[in-house]
Amino acid sequence: MKTIKILTLCTLGVAAAAFTACSDQSEEITSYELSRNLSPINLEASNVQETSAIIKWTPSAKATSYNLLVFAEDSMSYNLTATPAKAIEGITEDQIPVLIDGLFFDTQYTVYVQAITADNESRTSTWNGAYFKTNTKQFLKAPKPSDIADRSVTLRWEAEEGFSVSTIVVGDITHEVTPEEAEAGEATINGLTPETDYTAYLYYNGKQCGNRNFTTIADLEGAIILHDTDDLKAALEEAEEGDVFALYGGTYRLNAVYDDETGELISTGAVKILKTITIKGIYPTDQPVIKGRFELYDGAGLNMSQVIINGTDNGSADQIFNYKLDQAAAGVEFGALDIQNCEIFGRTDGKGLIYLNVQAIVSAINFNNCIIHGIECSGGDFIDSRKGLPREINLTNSTFYTVASVRDFIRIDDASGSFTGEAGPVVTVDQCTLYNVGAGNEAGAANYRLLYVRFAGNKLTFTNNVVVGTTYKRGFTNQASSDPTPTLRNNFYWNCQNLTAAGTGADATIAWFDTEGTVADPEFANAASADFTLGADADARKSSAGDPRWRK
C-alpha cells in the first residue's frame, strides 16, 4: 500500500526523477512545505470613504508579517519602483484589517501586499494586488430656490485649504472657474433650459469634489411675475391674449366677497378667463396655491402648470372649471384646457371639476401628471359636458382619489345634433390610478357610471390603469351609444364592482366589461394617507400600470 502512494506522488509530481529514487522512499509523505510564502489571498478594500479605506486579506501560513504599498492611479501595473502614496511595513496578523487614511478623494488606488517571514528573506512572497476608488467629496452646497432661475443657476461651495474648484459641469456646459469665483466660492452658470432637471458637478484638477441635483424654474421670458401680495384675480381678468403669468409661492385668493353689513354675496370666488393665457408656478418645490375657481368665456383657453388649486370657500358650489358664453351666437370654439403637474382638491360640498353646459366646442381637455382629490360631486358629474363638444379628453399619468362619489366620473351627453359634420369626442384614460372613484354610500349613488359617454361617434380608450374601490352599479357605461369597441388593455382592478364582470346589483343594461382586466391587489403602501405606491411584487407594478409616480 505504501509503495502505491509513493509511485502516485512520483508519477504526478516528479516525472523527471529516476524510478529507483522513488522506490528508495521508506516513509509515507504527509506534508509538503513550499520554499517561500504564498502571496496573501482574498485581498480587498472595504468601507471606502473620501480619504480612507480598510484593507483586509487572508493571512498566509508561515508568514510573520506583511508589507503594504498603495499607489495612486496605478491600475494594477505592478510598477513597484514608483513612489507609493502609502507604505506600511511589519503588519502582523492581529493588525488585519488595516485602515489606510490620508488618501485623495475621487482617485483610483492600487494596494499591494506581500507576506514576510522574520529572519528568512528567502521566504518573502510575491506581491498580490487589488484596486479601489475613493468616494467623491461633497463641497457643493444644495442650491436654494432663490439660486435657481429659468436659464441659470448660482452654485456655492465650501473652500478647503490646499486646493480650489477648477471646473464646473452642468449638462453640456463646462465652466472654467475664474480666480475671483474660486476666492468667493460661488459661480453663476448661464445658458440652461427652463423646467429641466440638471446635475451640477464640481472638479478640482479632474477630481470630482461635489454634485447636486436641481430643476430650473418655469420660463420667465416675457412672463408677468406675481407674488401672493398681488391681486391675481384683477391681473387675470385684465389679461391680453397669450399672456403668461408666473407665480411665486404663497396663497392667491379668489375668494367670495360678502357685504359686511348684510352678509349678502357680492361676488363668488371665481375669476373670469377672457383670453387664452398661461398660469404657472415658478418653483416646483414651492408651488403657489390658488383658492378659487375659473370661468372660461367665449373661446378662451387656459394652460396651467405647477399650481395647487384649493376649491373651497368660494361662496358657490359651482365647478372648478366652468365654460360660459356672453355672446348670443353659439358654435364658439374654446382653446385647450391644459393642466400639467398640478394638485386640485376641495369641492366636497358641491359640484365637479369641469362643466360644459354651453353650445360650444373645446379643442382639448388635458390633465397630465396631476393629483385630484376630495371632489365629491354631490350636485353634478366630475367631468360634465351637457350641451358642448369636447373634441378630446386626455387623463394621463395622474391620480384621482375620493372623487365623483355619487355621480359619473366622465359624462358627455349627446349634443351631436348641434354640431353637424363634427366627429365625436375621443376620450383617453391612460396610466392613471383611480381610488374610491364612484364609491359613495348615499342612496342611489351607485346608479352612475365611470364613462357615461353618449355623444354620437365617440371613441373610448382605457389602458394601463389601476382602479380600486369603484362601486358603480352601471359599470363603465349602460349606453348603447358609448363606443361599442373601446380599447381596454393592461388594466388592474381591486374591490371593484361591475367593471370586469357583472357583480351583485349590476344593471342589466351594462354595455360591456373589461373581460381582459386583471383582478389583483395593488398592495398600496398606505391608501388612507394617499400613498398609492405599488407593492414591490404587485402585478400592476410588474406590468407598468397606474400613475407612474407610484412605481418609483
Protein backbone atom coordinates (compact mmCIF):
# COMPACT_ATOMS: atom_id res chain seq x y z
CA MET A 1 0.00 0.00 0.00
CA LYS A 2 2.80 2.44 0.91
CA THR A 3 4.50 1.76 -2.42
CA ILE A 4 1.38 2.71 -4.41
CA LYS A 5 1.23 6.10 -2.67
CA ILE A 6 4.85 6.81 -3.38
CA LEU A 7 4.51 5.83 -7.05
CA THR A 8 1.50 8.10 -7.43
CA LEU A 9 3.35 11.05 -5.96
CA CYS A 10 6.38 10.40 -8.15
CA THR A 11 4.32 9.99 -11.28
CA LEU A 12 2.38 13.19 -10.71
CA GLY A 13 4.99 15.46 -9.27
CA VAL A 14 8.49 14.16 -10.03
CA ALA A 15 8.28 12.90 -13.58
CA ALA A 16 11.98 13.55 -14.35
CA ALA A 17 13.31 11.60 -11.38
CA ALA A 18 14.59 8.00 -11.72
CA PHE A 19 12.14 5.29 -10.82
CA THR A 20 14.62 3.77 -8.40
CA ALA A 21 14.74 7.06 -6.48
CA CYS A 22 11.09 6.71 -5.64
CA SER A 23 11.47 3.09 -4.68
CA ASP A 24 14.03 4.14 -2.06
CA GLN A 25 11.34 6.02 -0.06
CA SER A 26 10.55 4.20 3.13
CA GLU A 27 8.05 6.72 4.73
CA GLU A 28 4.64 7.96 3.53
CA ILE A 29 4.66 11.73 2.65
CA THR A 30 2.11 13.52 4.86
CA SER A 31 3.12 17.16 4.35
CA TYR A 32 4.86 19.37 1.85
CA GLU A 33 6.45 22.73 2.70
CA LEU A 34 6.96 25.34 0.00
CA SER A 35 10.26 27.12 -0.21
CA ARG A 36 8.55 30.56 0.04
CA ASN A 37 5.34 32.09 1.40
CA LEU A 38 2.23 32.16 -0.74
CA SER A 39 1.03 35.63 -1.69
CA PRO A 40 -1.83 36.88 0.51
CA ILE A 41 -5.23 35.97 -0.98
CA ASN A 42 -8.74 37.47 -0.80
CA LEU A 43 -7.22 40.94 -0.84
CA GLU A 44 -9.94 43.59 -0.88
CA ALA A 45 -10.80 47.17 0.10
CA SER A 46 -13.97 47.87 2.11
CA ASN A 47 -15.67 50.84 3.74
CA VAL A 48 -14.11 53.09 1.11
CA GLN A 49 -14.61 56.77 2.01
CA GLU A 50 -13.44 60.07 0.55
CA THR A 51 -9.93 59.84 2.05
CA SER A 52 -9.69 56.38 3.57
CA ALA A 53 -10.31 52.66 3.05
CA ILE A 54 -9.99 49.46 5.07
CA ILE A 55 -7.75 46.78 3.56
CA LYS A 56 -8.04 43.13 4.52
CA TRP A 57 -6.76 39.76 3.29
CA THR A 58 -6.45 36.12 4.32
CA PRO A 59 -3.18 35.54 6.25
CA SER A 60 -0.57 33.27 4.68
CA ALA A 61 0.79 30.22 6.50
CA LYS A 62 4.30 30.64 7.96
CA ALA A 63 4.18 34.45 7.44
CA THR A 64 5.08 36.53 10.48
CA SER A 65 4.29 39.96 8.99
CA TYR A 66 3.23 41.79 5.84
CA ASN A 67 4.31 44.77 3.76
CA LEU A 68 1.70 47.01 2.13
CA LEU A 69 2.08 49.59 -0.64
CA VAL A 70 -0.61 51.94 -2.03
CA PHE A 71 -0.17 53.70 -5.39
CA ALA A 72 -2.43 56.36 -6.90
CA GLU A 73 -3.75 55.95 -10.45
CA ASP A 74 -1.77 52.73 -10.80
CA SER A 75 -4.45 50.39 -12.27
CA MET A 76 -2.51 47.31 -11.06
CA SER A 77 0.52 47.94 -13.27
CA TYR A 78 2.85 46.36 -10.67
CA ASN A 79 5.29 49.21 -11.20
CA LEU A 80 6.66 48.98 -7.67
CA THR A 81 9.60 51.26 -8.39
CA ALA A 82 7.32 54.32 -8.36
CA THR A 83 6.79 56.38 -5.24
CA PRO A 84 3.82 55.00 -3.27
CA ALA A 85 1.14 57.16 -1.70
CA LYS A 86 1.34 54.94 1.39
CA ALA A 87 3.88 52.34 2.57
CA ILE A 88 3.48 50.24 5.72
CA GLU A 89 5.86 47.52 6.86
CA GLY A 90 5.69 44.91 9.60
CA ILE A 91 1.92 44.44 9.73
CA THR A 92 1.16 41.48 11.98
CA GLU A 93 -1.80 39.15 11.63
CA ASP A 94 -3.58 40.69 14.63
CA GLN A 95 -3.41 44.12 12.90
CA ILE A 96 -5.50 42.94 9.93
CA PRO A 97 -7.64 44.66 8.65
CA VAL A 98 -5.61 47.83 8.14
CA LEU A 99 -7.02 51.35 7.95
CA ILE A 100 -5.40 53.43 5.19
CA ASP A 101 -6.08 57.14 5.54
CA GLY A 102 -4.72 60.36 4.11
CA LEU A 103 -5.86 59.45 0.60
CA PHE A 104 -7.27 61.82 -2.00
CA PHE A 105 -10.95 61.86 -2.97
CA ASP A 106 -12.23 60.56 -6.34
CA THR A 107 -8.96 58.76 -7.02
CA GLN A 108 -8.26 55.19 -8.11
CA TYR A 109 -5.68 53.40 -5.97
CA THR A 110 -3.95 50.04 -6.19
CA VAL A 111 -2.94 48.29 -2.97
CA TYR A 112 -0.21 45.59 -2.93
CA VAL A 113 0.54 43.19 -0.06
CA GLN A 114 3.36 40.64 0.37
CA ALA A 115 3.97 38.08 3.11
CA ILE A 116 7.22 38.16 5.14
CA THR A 117 8.88 35.59 7.41
CA ALA A 118 11.17 37.09 10.06
CA ASP A 119 14.88 36.30 9.66
CA ASN A 120 14.29 34.44 6.39
CA GLU A 121 14.24 36.80 3.46
CA SER A 122 14.14 33.92 1.02
CA ARG A 123 10.54 33.14 2.07
CA THR A 124 9.24 36.62 1.08
CA SER A 125 6.21 36.17 -1.21
CA THR A 126 5.43 37.90 -4.46
CA TRP A 127 3.04 40.86 -4.31
CA ASN A 128 -0.74 40.47 -4.69
CA GLY A 129 -2.77 43.49 -5.76
CA ALA A 130 -6.30 44.92 -5.78
CA TYR A 131 -7.64 48.31 -6.72
CA PHE A 132 -10.35 50.65 -5.40
CA LYS A 133 -11.57 54.20 -5.91
CA THR A 134 -12.17 56.72 -3.15
CA ASN A 135 -15.52 58.49 -2.97
CA THR A 136 -16.11 61.94 -4.35
CA LYS A 137 -16.04 64.78 -1.86
CA GLN A 138 -19.12 66.93 -1.30
CA PHE A 139 -18.06 70.56 -1.19
CA LEU A 140 -21.04 71.76 -3.22
CA LYS A 141 -23.94 73.26 -1.27
CA ALA A 142 -27.52 72.47 -2.27
CA PRO A 143 -28.83 75.42 -4.32
CA LYS A 144 -31.51 77.48 -2.58
CA PRO A 145 -34.72 78.20 -4.52
CA SER A 146 -33.55 81.78 -4.96
CA ASP A 147 -30.33 80.50 -6.59
CA ILE A 148 -32.23 78.71 -9.37
CA ALA A 149 -33.58 80.72 -12.30
CA ASP A 150 -35.12 79.69 -15.60
CA ARG A 151 -31.86 79.78 -17.58
CA SER A 152 -29.18 79.93 -14.89
CA VAL A 153 -28.11 78.64 -11.51
CA THR A 154 -25.80 80.10 -8.88
CA LEU A 155 -23.65 77.45 -7.22
CA ARG A 156 -21.80 77.81 -3.94
CA TRP A 157 -19.22 75.56 -2.33
CA GLU A 158 -17.03 75.19 0.73
CA ALA A 159 -13.39 76.12 0.22
CA GLU A 160 -10.66 73.86 1.61
CA GLU A 161 -7.05 74.80 2.16
CA GLY A 162 -4.72 73.33 -0.39
CA PHE A 163 -6.96 73.31 -3.41
CA SER A 164 -9.88 75.12 -5.02
CA VAL A 165 -12.58 74.26 -7.51
CA SER A 166 -11.25 74.47 -11.06
CA THR A 167 -14.15 73.34 -13.26
CA ILE A 168 -17.96 73.13 -13.07
CA VAL A 169 -20.00 70.93 -15.42
CA VAL A 170 -23.78 71.33 -15.76
CA GLY A 171 -25.39 69.35 -18.56
CA ASP A 172 -23.34 70.01 -21.70
CA ILE A 173 -21.90 73.24 -20.27
CA THR A 174 -18.32 73.26 -18.93
CA HIS A 175 -17.41 76.35 -16.93
CA GLU A 176 -13.78 77.11 -16.04
CA VAL A 177 -13.75 78.76 -12.62
CA THR A 178 -12.07 82.16 -12.51
CA PRO A 179 -9.74 83.15 -9.65
CA GLU A 180 -12.38 85.60 -8.43
CA GLU A 181 -15.06 82.87 -8.37
CA ALA A 182 -12.69 80.48 -6.63
CA GLU A 183 -11.97 83.04 -3.91
CA ALA A 184 -15.68 83.84 -3.47
CA GLY A 185 -16.69 80.18 -3.51
CA GLU A 186 -19.53 80.73 -5.97
CA ALA A 187 -20.24 80.95 -9.70
CA THR A 188 -23.29 81.50 -11.88
CA ILE A 189 -23.83 79.13 -14.80
CA ASN A 190 -25.90 80.53 -17.68
CA GLY A 191 -27.36 79.00 -20.83
CA LEU A 192 -29.65 76.45 -19.15
CA THR A 193 -33.12 75.39 -20.32
CA PRO A 194 -36.26 76.24 -18.29
CA GLU A 195 -38.06 73.48 -16.38
CA THR A 196 -35.24 70.99 -16.88
CA ASP A 197 -33.58 68.57 -14.44
CA TYR A 198 -29.82 69.03 -14.07
CA THR A 199 -26.90 67.70 -12.03
CA ALA A 200 -24.06 70.11 -11.31
CA TYR A 201 -20.54 68.66 -10.84
CA LEU A 202 -17.55 70.39 -9.25
CA TYR A 203 -14.00 69.35 -10.14
CA TYR A 204 -10.52 70.04 -8.81
CA ASN A 205 -7.84 69.05 -11.34
CA GLY A 206 -10.14 66.42 -12.79
CA LYS A 207 -11.28 65.09 -9.39
CA GLN A 208 -14.96 65.36 -8.60
CA CYS A 209 -15.48 67.29 -5.38
CA GLY A 210 -19.25 67.64 -5.28
CA ASN A 211 -22.51 67.20 -7.15
CA ARG A 212 -26.07 68.44 -6.66
CA ASN A 213 -29.37 67.93 -8.48
CA PHE A 214 -31.71 70.81 -9.26
CA THR A 215 -34.52 71.76 -11.64
CA THR A 216 -34.64 75.09 -13.42
CA ILE A 217 -37.79 77.09 -12.86
CA ALA A 218 -40.53 77.99 -15.31
CA ASP A 219 -39.62 80.11 -18.33
CA LEU A 220 -39.80 83.73 -17.18
CA GLU A 221 -39.02 85.31 -20.54
CA GLY A 222 -41.88 87.71 -21.31
CA ALA A 223 -43.84 86.50 -18.27
CA ILE A 224 -45.80 88.68 -15.87
CA ILE A 225 -44.30 87.97 -12.44
CA LEU A 226 -46.72 87.91 -9.49
CA HIS A 227 -46.38 87.49 -5.73
CA ASP A 228 -49.07 86.44 -3.28
CA THR A 229 -49.49 90.07 -2.26
CA ASP A 230 -50.65 90.94 -5.80
CA ASP A 231 -54.28 90.88 -6.97
CA LEU A 232 -54.27 87.75 -9.11
CA LYS A 233 -57.96 87.99 -9.97
CA ALA A 234 -57.61 91.50 -11.36
CA ALA A 235 -54.46 90.59 -13.28
CA LEU A 236 -56.09 87.59 -14.96
CA GLU A 237 -59.28 89.42 -15.88
CA GLU A 238 -57.28 92.22 -17.48
CA ALA A 239 -55.01 89.83 -19.39
CA GLU A 240 -54.25 90.08 -23.08
CA GLU A 241 -54.26 87.12 -25.46
CA GLY A 242 -51.22 84.93 -24.88
CA ASP A 243 -50.17 86.47 -21.56
CA VAL A 244 -48.08 84.25 -19.30
CA PHE A 245 -48.35 84.68 -15.53
CA ALA A 246 -45.51 83.27 -13.40
CA LEU A 247 -46.36 82.95 -9.72
CA TYR A 248 -44.03 82.77 -6.76
CA GLY A 249 -45.03 80.51 -3.87
CA GLY A 250 -47.77 81.63 -1.49
CA THR A 251 -51.56 81.72 -1.39
CA TYR A 252 -53.53 83.66 -4.00
CA ARG A 253 -57.17 84.17 -3.07
CA LEU A 254 -60.09 84.42 -5.46
CA ASN A 255 -62.47 84.15 -2.52
CA ALA A 256 -66.09 85.18 -2.41
CA VAL A 257 -66.85 88.75 -1.33
CA TYR A 258 -69.72 89.40 1.08
CA ASP A 259 -71.36 92.64 2.18
CA ASP A 260 -70.01 93.50 5.63
CA GLU A 261 -73.40 94.67 6.89
CA THR A 262 -75.93 92.37 5.26
CA GLY A 263 -73.76 89.34 4.64
CA GLU A 264 -75.09 89.25 1.08
CA LEU A 265 -72.87 87.56 -1.50
CA ILE A 266 -71.41 90.23 -3.77
CA SER A 267 -69.22 88.00 -5.96
CA THR A 268 -68.21 84.39 -5.90
CA GLY A 269 -64.64 83.22 -5.61
CA ALA A 270 -64.23 82.86 -9.36
CA VAL A 271 -62.03 84.57 -11.90
CA LYS A 272 -63.19 85.23 -15.46
CA ILE A 273 -60.75 83.95 -18.07
CA LEU A 274 -61.49 86.05 -21.15
CA LYS A 275 -58.38 85.31 -23.24
CA THR A 276 -56.14 82.30 -23.78
CA ILE A 277 -53.49 82.61 -21.08
CA THR A 278 -50.93 80.59 -19.13
CA ILE A 279 -50.56 80.38 -15.35
CA LYS A 280 -47.55 78.59 -13.91
CA GLY A 281 -45.72 78.24 -10.66
CA ILE A 282 -42.13 79.41 -10.67
CA TYR A 283 -40.62 76.92 -8.22
CA PRO A 284 -41.53 73.22 -8.44
CA THR A 285 -40.73 72.85 -4.74
CA ASP A 286 -42.81 75.85 -3.67
CA GLN A 287 -45.96 75.73 -5.75
CA PRO A 288 -48.43 78.62 -5.45
CA VAL A 289 -51.88 77.85 -4.02
CA ILE A 290 -54.87 79.43 -5.78
CA LYS A 291 -58.03 79.44 -3.68
CA GLY A 292 -60.99 79.74 -6.04
CA ARG A 293 -62.33 78.57 -9.37
CA PHE A 294 -62.21 79.55 -13.04
CA GLU A 295 -64.89 80.61 -15.53
CA LEU A 296 -63.80 80.47 -19.17
CA TYR A 297 -65.62 82.82 -21.55
CA ASP A 298 -66.16 82.99 -25.29
CA GLY A 299 -63.38 80.82 -26.70
CA ALA A 300 -60.71 81.40 -24.05
CA GLY A 301 -58.13 78.71 -23.32
CA LEU A 302 -56.18 78.06 -20.15
CA ASN A 303 -52.76 76.46 -19.65
CA MET A 304 -51.67 75.78 -16.10
CA SER A 305 -48.66 74.03 -14.54
CA GLN A 306 -47.05 73.61 -11.12
CA VAL A 307 -50.04 75.11 -9.31
CA ILE A 308 -52.20 73.89 -6.42
CA ILE A 309 -55.91 74.74 -6.71
CA ASN A 310 -57.90 74.77 -3.49
CA GLY A 311 -61.57 74.87 -4.46
CA THR A 312 -63.01 75.53 -1.01
CA ASP A 313 -64.54 78.76 0.32
CA ASN A 314 -65.88 80.02 -3.00
CA GLY A 315 -69.30 81.27 -1.97
CA SER A 316 -70.57 78.93 -4.67
CA ALA A 317 -70.81 75.18 -5.20
CA ASP A 318 -70.06 75.52 -8.90
CA GLN A 319 -67.40 73.52 -10.71
CA ILE A 320 -63.74 74.48 -10.58
CA PHE A 321 -63.66 74.99 -14.36
CA ASN A 322 -66.91 76.26 -15.87
CA TYR A 323 -67.48 77.27 -19.51
CA LYS A 324 -69.59 80.38 -20.20
CA LEU A 325 -70.86 82.30 -23.22
CA ASP A 326 -71.59 86.02 -23.21
CA GLN A 327 -72.05 86.09 -26.99
CA ALA A 328 -75.51 85.39 -28.35
CA ALA A 329 -74.20 83.25 -31.19
CA ALA A 330 -73.48 79.61 -30.49
CA GLY A 331 -70.72 77.49 -32.03
CA VAL A 332 -67.76 79.14 -30.34
CA GLU A 333 -64.61 77.02 -30.11
CA PHE A 334 -62.63 77.32 -26.89
CA GLY A 335 -58.90 76.82 -26.73
CA ALA A 336 -57.47 73.86 -24.85
CA LEU A 337 -57.72 73.44 -21.10
CA ASP A 338 -54.25 72.04 -20.45
CA ILE A 339 -53.40 71.24 -16.83
CA GLN A 340 -49.92 69.85 -16.10
CA ASN A 341 -48.22 68.93 -12.80
CA CYS A 342 -50.98 70.33 -10.62
CA GLU A 343 -52.87 69.31 -7.49
CA ILE A 344 -56.60 70.12 -7.33
CA PHE A 345 -58.89 69.50 -4.37
CA GLY A 346 -61.61 70.85 -2.16
CA ARG A 347 -65.08 70.62 -3.74
CA THR A 348 -66.50 68.36 -1.03
CA ASP A 349 -69.73 70.34 -0.75
CA GLY A 350 -70.76 70.91 -4.34
CA LYS A 351 -70.33 70.05 -7.97
CA GLY A 352 -67.47 68.64 -10.02
CA LEU A 353 -64.27 69.53 -11.78
CA ILE A 354 -65.48 70.69 -15.22
CA TYR A 355 -68.84 71.87 -16.58
CA LEU A 356 -69.51 72.41 -20.29
CA ASN A 357 -73.15 73.41 -20.48
CA VAL A 358 -72.99 75.76 -23.44
CA GLN A 359 -73.24 75.04 -27.16
CA ALA A 360 -69.53 75.29 -27.88
CA ILE A 361 -66.52 73.20 -28.81
CA VAL A 362 -63.48 72.76 -26.57
CA SER A 363 -60.43 71.77 -28.60
CA ALA A 364 -58.97 69.60 -25.83
CA ILE A 365 -59.18 68.94 -22.10
CA ASN A 366 -55.88 67.57 -20.79
CA PHE A 367 -54.85 66.60 -17.27
CA ASN A 368 -51.33 65.15 -17.09
CA ASN A 369 -49.18 64.33 -14.08
CA CYS A 370 -51.85 65.67 -11.73
CA ILE A 371 -53.31 64.64 -8.38
CA ILE A 372 -57.01 65.43 -7.98
CA HIS A 373 -58.98 64.54 -4.87
CA GLY A 374 -61.79 65.40 -2.49
CA ILE A 375 -64.33 66.43 -5.16
CA GLU A 376 -67.48 64.56 -4.18
CA CYS A 377 -69.76 65.81 -6.98
CA SER A 378 -72.99 65.75 -4.98
CA GLY A 379 -74.62 68.19 -7.41
CA GLY A 380 -73.04 67.34 -10.77
CA ASP A 381 -70.74 64.95 -12.54
CA PHE A 382 -66.94 65.06 -12.25
CA ILE A 383 -66.19 65.95 -15.90
CA ASP A 384 -69.60 67.03 -17.16
CA SER A 385 -70.48 68.04 -20.73
CA ARG A 386 -74.18 68.58 -21.41
CA LYS A 387 -74.51 70.85 -24.45
CA GLY A 388 -70.97 71.07 -25.79
CA LEU A 389 -68.40 69.03 -27.68
CA PRO A 390 -65.01 68.39 -26.09
CA ARG A 391 -63.02 67.13 -29.06
CA GLU A 392 -60.56 65.33 -26.76
CA ILE A 393 -60.40 64.45 -23.09
CA ASN A 394 -57.00 63.09 -22.05
CA LEU A 395 -56.37 61.97 -18.47
CA THR A 396 -52.81 60.67 -18.29
CA ASN A 397 -50.17 59.86 -15.66
CA SER A 398 -52.47 61.14 -12.93
CA THR A 399 -54.14 60.09 -9.69
CA PHE A 400 -57.81 60.60 -8.84
CA TYR A 401 -59.00 59.68 -5.36
CA THR A 402 -62.21 60.25 -3.42
CA VAL A 403 -63.89 61.94 -6.36
CA ALA A 404 -67.23 61.53 -8.16
CA SER A 405 -68.50 59.72 -5.09
CA VAL A 406 -72.16 59.99 -6.11
CA ARG A 407 -72.05 60.93 -9.81
CA ASP A 408 -70.46 59.91 -13.13
CA PHE A 409 -66.69 60.17 -13.49
CA ILE A 410 -66.91 61.35 -17.13
CA ARG A 411 -70.22 62.39 -18.66
CA ILE A 412 -70.64 63.59 -22.24
CA ASP A 413 -74.27 63.90 -23.33
CA ASP A 414 -75.28 63.55 -26.96
CA ALA A 415 -75.29 67.09 -28.30
CA SER A 416 -74.26 65.92 -31.78
CA GLY A 417 -77.36 67.50 -33.31
CA SER A 418 -75.86 70.92 -32.58
CA PHE A 419 -72.53 70.11 -34.25
CA THR A 420 -73.31 68.83 -37.72
CA GLY A 421 -70.32 67.35 -39.52
CA GLU A 422 -68.17 67.18 -36.40
CA ALA A 423 -66.54 63.94 -35.27
CA GLY A 424 -67.40 62.64 -31.84
CA PRO A 425 -65.22 63.15 -28.76
CA VAL A 426 -62.14 60.99 -28.18
CA VAL A 427 -61.68 60.06 -24.51
CA THR A 428 -58.41 58.59 -23.26
CA VAL A 429 -57.62 57.47 -19.71
CA ASP A 430 -54.08 56.06 -19.60
CA GLN A 431 -51.52 55.40 -16.86
CA CYS A 432 -53.85 56.61 -14.10
CA THR A 433 -54.58 55.49 -10.55
CA LEU A 434 -58.25 55.69 -9.50
CA TYR A 435 -59.03 55.12 -5.82
CA ASN A 436 -62.52 55.38 -4.34
CA VAL A 437 -63.93 56.86 -7.52
CA GLY A 438 -67.70 56.39 -7.51
CA ALA A 439 -67.61 54.84 -4.05
CA GLY A 440 -70.28 56.95 -2.33
CA ASN A 441 -72.79 55.46 0.07
CA GLU A 442 -75.71 57.81 -0.46
CA ALA A 443 -78.98 56.38 -1.72
CA GLY A 444 -78.80 55.91 -5.46
CA ALA A 445 -75.13 56.80 -5.61
CA ALA A 446 -74.26 53.53 -7.29
CA ASN A 447 -76.61 54.23 -10.20
CA TYR A 448 -73.87 56.05 -12.10
CA ARG A 449 -71.03 55.16 -14.47
CA LEU A 450 -67.32 55.51 -14.98
CA LEU A 451 -67.56 56.55 -18.66
CA TYR A 452 -71.07 57.83 -19.38
CA VAL A 453 -70.31 58.97 -22.93
CA ARG A 454 -73.14 59.02 -25.47
CA PHE A 455 -72.19 61.76 -27.93
CA ALA A 456 -72.52 60.13 -31.37
CA GLY A 457 -69.28 58.74 -32.81
CA ASN A 458 -67.32 58.78 -29.54
CA LYS A 459 -64.11 56.75 -29.11
CA LEU A 460 -63.04 55.44 -25.70
CA THR A 461 -59.60 54.23 -24.57
CA PHE A 462 -58.96 52.94 -21.04
CA THR A 463 -55.46 51.48 -20.71
CA ASN A 464 -52.71 50.81 -18.14
CA ASN A 465 -54.80 51.93 -15.18
CA VAL A 466 -55.13 50.79 -11.57
CA VAL A 467 -58.69 51.04 -10.24
CA VAL A 468 -59.54 50.35 -6.59
CA GLY A 469 -62.84 50.69 -4.71
CA THR A 470 -65.24 51.60 -7.51
CA THR A 471 -68.85 50.53 -6.88
CA TYR A 472 -70.75 51.93 -9.86
CA LYS A 473 -73.88 49.81 -10.35
CA ARG A 474 -73.82 50.54 -14.08
CA GLY A 475 -70.12 49.77 -14.59
CA PHE A 476 -68.27 51.64 -17.30
CA THR A 477 -71.47 52.58 -19.14
CA ASN A 478 -75.02 51.41 -19.76
CA GLN A 479 -75.35 53.34 -23.01
CA ALA A 480 -75.54 51.59 -26.36
CA SER A 481 -74.25 54.82 -27.93
CA SER A 482 -70.96 54.55 -25.98
CA ASP A 483 -68.12 53.26 -28.15
CA PRO A 484 -69.10 49.59 -28.67
CA THR A 485 -65.48 48.55 -29.24
CA PRO A 486 -63.47 50.50 -26.68
CA THR A 487 -59.73 50.00 -26.32
CA LEU A 488 -59.22 48.22 -22.98
CA ARG A 489 -55.72 46.97 -22.17
CA ASN A 490 -53.46 46.22 -19.19
CA ASN A 491 -55.86 47.41 -16.50
CA PHE A 492 -55.89 46.20 -12.89
CA TYR A 493 -58.90 46.19 -10.57
CA TRP A 494 -59.40 45.52 -6.87
CA ASN A 495 -62.59 45.73 -4.80
CA CYS A 496 -64.44 46.98 -7.86
CA GLN A 497 -67.97 46.12 -8.96
CA ASN A 498 -69.27 45.63 -12.48
CA LEU A 499 -66.09 46.58 -14.35
CA THR A 500 -64.58 43.21 -15.21
CA ALA A 501 -67.81 41.21 -14.90
CA ALA A 502 -71.36 41.67 -13.65
CA GLY A 503 -71.49 41.68 -9.87
CA THR A 504 -74.10 41.93 -7.17
CA GLY A 505 -76.72 44.53 -8.02
CA ALA A 506 -75.37 45.08 -11.53
CA ASP A 507 -77.58 46.90 -14.02
CA ALA A 508 -78.80 44.55 -16.73
CA THR A 509 -78.14 47.22 -19.37
CA ILE A 510 -74.37 47.45 -18.80
CA ALA A 511 -72.91 47.79 -22.30
CA TRP A 512 -69.59 45.95 -21.83
CA PHE A 513 -66.94 44.83 -19.35
CA ASP A 514 -63.15 44.76 -19.33
CA THR A 515 -63.06 40.99 -19.53
CA GLU A 516 -59.29 41.03 -20.10
CA GLY A 517 -58.66 43.14 -16.99
CA THR A 518 -56.72 41.64 -14.08
CA VAL A 519 -58.23 41.42 -10.62
CA ALA A 520 -55.29 41.78 -8.23
CA ASP A 521 -54.43 43.67 -5.04
CA PRO A 522 -52.06 46.56 -5.91
CA GLU A 523 -50.73 46.45 -2.33
CA PHE A 524 -50.80 50.23 -1.88
CA ALA A 525 -48.31 51.41 0.74
CA ASN A 526 -50.89 53.48 2.66
CA ALA A 527 -54.02 54.40 0.72
CA ALA A 528 -55.60 56.02 3.79
CA SER A 529 -52.78 58.57 3.71
CA ALA A 530 -52.90 58.92 -0.09
CA ASP A 531 -49.73 56.90 -0.61
CA PHE A 532 -50.58 54.68 -3.56
CA THR A 533 -47.09 53.27 -4.04
CA LEU A 534 -47.47 49.82 -5.56
CA GLY A 535 -46.15 46.80 -3.71
CA ALA A 536 -42.78 45.54 -4.91
CA ASP A 537 -44.35 42.28 -6.10
CA ALA A 538 -47.71 43.68 -7.21
CA ASP A 539 -48.87 42.59 -10.66
CA ALA A 540 -49.67 46.20 -11.55
CA ARG A 541 -46.07 47.27 -10.87
CA LYS A 542 -44.72 44.42 -12.96
CA SER A 543 -46.98 45.48 -15.83
CA SER A 544 -46.19 49.22 -15.50
CA ALA A 545 -49.79 50.18 -14.78
CA GLY A 546 -51.18 53.15 -12.88
CA ASP A 547 -49.80 56.62 -12.30
CA PRO A 548 -46.02 56.30 -12.85
CA ARG A 549 -45.24 58.30 -9.71
CA TRP A 550 -46.33 55.30 -7.61
CA ARG A 551 -43.90 52.91 -9.29
CA LYS A 552 -40.76 54.79 -8.28
